[in-house]
Amino acid sequence: MILNPSKYFIAIAATLILMTAGCSKSESYSDLLRDEERAVNWYLAQHRVEIAVPEDSVFEIGPDAPFYRMNEDGTIYMQVLSEGNPADKPKEGERVYFRFMRQNLKYMYEGVDVKPEGNMDNFNVQIGPTNFIMGNKIYPNTTKYGSGIQLPMTYLGYFSEVNLVLKSYAGFPENQSECTPYVMNIKYYKSEY
């Protein structure tokens, strides 16, 4: 059987054209990161922002408190609504329960009506009780909800409440490839409910 090279050339050329056309319609990773940065900056521009954690770790508290930049990379910003019980902070290895609501900052920036999602108000059975092990970066629940949710508990006590702005890198792993930032309201507890 003699192979016709022109058929293979046409098939390869068609495949390359389809692949190129598909790639040109999607955003590059750097474009997604730029969009994420714009959405986060837009949101933070509506609030007071402090560029560092207070040296004495005494935060302003309440709905008018500033968002504090919590790390050098600027992937986590925290507004403290309630410091909880400062005398009762979780220790390394303790299970910390939390309830949350989150909103997609890119959608908010684009003017899309964004409904909060999470398990704060309705005890969402699909999400169920959420928890992490303090200081553990391997436990599946810790990695499932991202690294940013643990950070407030290094400063605050149980029964605290915060608003977090989380860039995708510090948020839910499923949102990292799309570079989707979120603003989250989180309350921390010692037990499941």
Protein backbone atom coordinates (compact mmCIF):
# COMPACT_ATOMS: atom_id res chain seq x y z
CA MET A 1 0.00 0.00 0.00
CA ILE A 2 1.37 3.38 -1.04
CA LEU A 3 0.79 6.28 1.36
CA ASN A 4 -0.26 9.61 -0.07
CA PRO A 5 1.86 12.29 1.70
CA SER A 6 -0.47 15.09 0.62
CA LYS A 7 -3.32 13.63 2.72
CA TYR A 8 -1.08 13.66 5.80
CA PHE A 9 0.08 17.18 5.10
CA ILE A 10 -3.53 18.39 4.80
CA ALA A 11 -4.52 16.62 8.04
CA ILE A 12 -1.56 18.08 9.94
CA ALA A 13 -2.17 21.58 8.54
CA ALA A 14 -5.88 21.41 9.48
CA THR A 15 -5.01 20.28 13.01
CA LEU A 16 -2.50 23.13 13.44
CA ILE A 17 -5.02 25.69 12.16
CA LEU A 18 -7.67 24.44 14.60
CA MET A 19 -5.20 24.47 17.50
CA THR A 20 -4.05 28.00 16.65
CA ALA A 21 -7.62 29.25 16.32
CA GLY A 22 -8.53 27.71 19.66
CA CYS A 23 -5.58 29.31 21.42
CA SER A 24 -6.18 32.77 20.02
CA LYS A 25 -9.63 32.95 21.60
CA SER A 26 -8.47 32.22 25.13
CA GLU A 27 -6.55 34.55 27.40
CA SER A 28 -2.95 33.86 28.30
CA TYR A 29 -2.02 33.18 31.90
CA SER A 30 -0.41 36.62 32.16
CA ASP A 31 -3.67 38.19 30.90
CA LEU A 32 -5.60 36.26 33.58
CA LEU A 33 -3.19 37.46 36.27
CA ARG A 34 -3.56 41.05 35.04
CA ASP A 35 -7.37 40.72 35.17
CA GLU A 36 -7.14 39.31 38.68
CA GLU A 37 -4.94 42.22 39.79
CA ARG A 38 -7.39 44.75 38.33
CA ALA A 39 -10.36 43.16 40.12
CA VAL A 40 -8.54 43.05 43.47
CA ASN A 41 -7.30 46.64 43.13
CA TRP A 42 -10.79 47.81 42.17
CA TYR A 43 -12.27 46.18 45.28
CA LEU A 44 -9.57 47.41 47.66
CA ALA A 45 -9.82 50.95 46.25
CA GLN A 46 -13.28 51.10 47.86
CA HIS A 47 -11.78 50.48 51.32
CA ARG A 48 -8.96 51.71 53.50
CA VAL A 49 -5.86 49.58 53.10
CA GLU A 50 -2.85 49.22 55.38
CA ILE A 51 0.25 47.87 53.65
CA ALA A 52 1.42 45.80 56.63
CA VAL A 53 0.25 43.98 59.73
CA PRO A 54 0.50 46.25 62.79
CA GLU A 55 3.82 45.71 64.59
CA ASP A 56 1.99 44.96 67.84
CA SER A 57 -0.58 42.78 65.98
CA VAL A 58 -3.38 44.96 67.34
CA PHE A 59 -5.82 45.38 64.46
CA GLU A 60 -8.56 47.94 64.04
CA ILE A 61 -11.84 46.09 64.35
CA GLY A 62 -15.23 46.55 62.73
CA PRO A 63 -16.90 47.05 59.36
CA ASP A 64 -14.98 50.29 58.79
CA ALA A 65 -11.61 48.78 59.71
CA PRO A 66 -8.94 48.72 57.00
CA PHE A 67 -7.90 45.71 54.99
CA TYR A 68 -4.40 44.76 56.08
CA ARG A 69 -1.95 43.35 53.56
CA MET A 70 -1.05 40.10 55.27
CA ASN A 71 1.91 38.90 53.24
CA GLU A 72 4.72 40.30 51.16
CA ASP A 73 3.22 38.98 47.92
CA GLY A 74 -0.05 40.81 48.49
CA THR A 75 -2.13 37.68 47.91
CA ILE A 76 -4.08 38.01 51.19
CA TYR A 77 -5.77 41.08 52.67
CA MET A 78 -7.67 40.87 55.97
CA GLN A 79 -10.31 43.08 57.58
CA VAL A 80 -11.05 42.09 61.18
CA LEU A 81 -14.75 42.31 62.06
CA SER A 82 -14.38 40.59 65.46
CA GLU A 83 -11.21 39.43 67.21
CA GLY A 84 -13.09 36.62 68.97
CA ASN A 85 -11.55 35.40 72.18
CA PRO A 86 -7.89 36.58 72.12
CA ALA A 87 -7.08 34.35 75.13
CA ASP A 88 -8.20 31.27 73.19
CA LYS A 89 -6.15 30.97 70.01
CA PRO A 90 -5.81 27.62 68.25
CA LYS A 91 -2.60 25.75 68.86
CA GLU A 92 -0.57 23.91 66.25
CA GLY A 93 -2.39 20.68 65.34
CA GLU A 94 -5.83 21.77 66.63
CA ARG A 95 -8.86 21.41 64.39
CA VAL A 96 -10.43 24.78 63.57
CA TYR A 97 -13.97 24.89 62.18
CA PHE A 98 -15.15 27.74 60.03
CA ARG A 99 -18.15 28.95 58.09
CA PHE A 100 -17.83 31.19 55.06
CA MET A 101 -19.50 33.07 52.26
CA ARG A 102 -17.50 34.13 49.23
CA GLN A 103 -17.98 36.29 46.14
CA ASN A 104 -16.07 36.23 42.87
CA LEU A 105 -14.20 39.55 42.59
CA LYS A 106 -13.79 39.34 38.80
CA TYR A 107 -17.55 39.12 38.37
CA MET A 108 -18.09 41.98 40.78
CA TYR A 109 -15.53 44.08 38.88
CA GLU A 110 -17.30 43.31 35.59
CA GLY A 111 -20.67 44.35 37.06
CA VAL A 112 -22.11 40.84 37.11
CA ASP A 113 -24.72 40.27 39.83
CA VAL A 114 -22.81 37.95 42.13
CA LYS A 115 -24.61 35.85 44.69
CA PRO A 116 -22.46 34.82 47.65
CA GLU A 117 -21.78 31.11 47.96
CA GLY A 118 -20.74 29.09 50.97
CA ASN A 119 -22.12 27.58 54.15
CA MET A 120 -22.49 30.57 56.48
CA ASP A 121 -26.23 31.09 56.63
CA ASN A 122 -27.92 27.97 55.37
CA PHE A 123 -25.73 25.17 56.71
CA ASN A 124 -25.22 24.03 53.14
CA VAL A 125 -25.36 20.23 53.22
CA GLN A 126 -23.28 19.93 50.04
CA ILE A 127 -20.39 21.85 51.58
CA GLY A 128 -20.98 20.58 55.12
CA PRO A 129 -18.84 21.50 58.09
CA THR A 130 -15.53 23.00 57.05
CA ASN A 131 -12.33 22.74 59.02
CA PHE A 132 -8.57 22.70 58.88
CA ILE A 133 -5.78 21.56 61.16
CA MET A 134 -3.86 24.58 62.42
CA GLY A 135 -0.39 24.71 60.94
CA ASN A 136 -0.92 21.66 58.72
CA LYS A 137 -0.36 22.23 54.99
CA ILE A 138 -1.06 18.63 53.95
CA TYR A 139 -4.48 17.83 55.50
CA PRO A 140 -7.01 17.61 52.64
CA ASN A 141 -9.45 20.14 54.13
CA THR A 142 -6.67 22.68 54.51
CA THR A 143 -5.57 22.31 50.91
CA LYS A 144 -9.18 22.11 49.69
CA TYR A 145 -9.94 25.64 50.90
CA GLY A 146 -6.54 27.19 50.19
CA SER A 147 -3.74 28.48 52.35
CA GLY A 148 -5.30 31.88 53.06
CA ILE A 149 -8.04 30.69 55.41
CA GLN A 150 -5.55 29.68 58.11
CA LEU A 151 -3.67 32.95 58.34
CA PRO A 152 -6.18 34.94 60.47
CA MET A 153 -6.01 32.35 63.24
CA THR A 154 -2.33 33.08 63.83
CA TYR A 155 -3.45 36.51 65.09
CA LEU A 156 -7.02 36.06 66.33
CA GLY A 157 -8.92 33.80 68.71
CA TYR A 158 -11.78 31.39 68.25
CA PHE A 159 -15.15 33.02 67.44
CA SER A 160 -13.44 35.71 65.38
CA GLU A 161 -14.82 36.99 62.09
CA VAL A 162 -12.90 38.42 59.15
CA ASN A 163 -13.28 39.50 55.58
CA LEU A 164 -10.46 38.18 53.42
CA VAL A 165 -9.50 39.22 49.93
CA LEU A 166 -7.77 36.19 48.50
CA LYS A 167 -5.98 36.17 45.20
CA SER A 168 -6.24 32.82 43.48
CA TYR A 169 -2.83 31.65 44.68
CA ALA A 170 -4.02 31.74 48.33
CA GLY A 171 -7.59 30.62 47.67
CA PHE A 172 -9.40 27.49 46.57
CA PRO A 173 -7.12 25.36 44.33
CA GLU A 174 -9.87 24.96 41.71
CA ASN A 175 -9.74 28.74 41.10
CA GLN A 176 -5.99 29.00 40.64
CA SER A 177 -5.76 28.09 36.96
CA GLU A 178 -8.38 30.73 36.07
CA CYS A 179 -6.76 33.29 38.43
CA THR A 180 -10.08 33.98 40.15
CA PRO A 181 -9.87 36.15 43.29
CA TYR A 182 -12.55 36.09 45.98
CA VAL A 183 -13.65 38.16 48.92
CA MET A 184 -14.63 35.83 51.77
CA ASN A 185 -16.43 36.43 55.03
CA ILE A 186 -15.24 33.78 57.51
CA LYS A 187 -16.19 32.96 61.10
CA TYR A 188 -13.98 30.59 63.09
CA TYR A 189 -15.22 28.12 65.73
CA LYS A 190 -13.89 25.49 68.13
CA SER A 191 -16.57 22.95 67.34
CA GLU A 192 -18.58 21.97 64.28
CA TYR A 193 -21.55 24.28 64.95
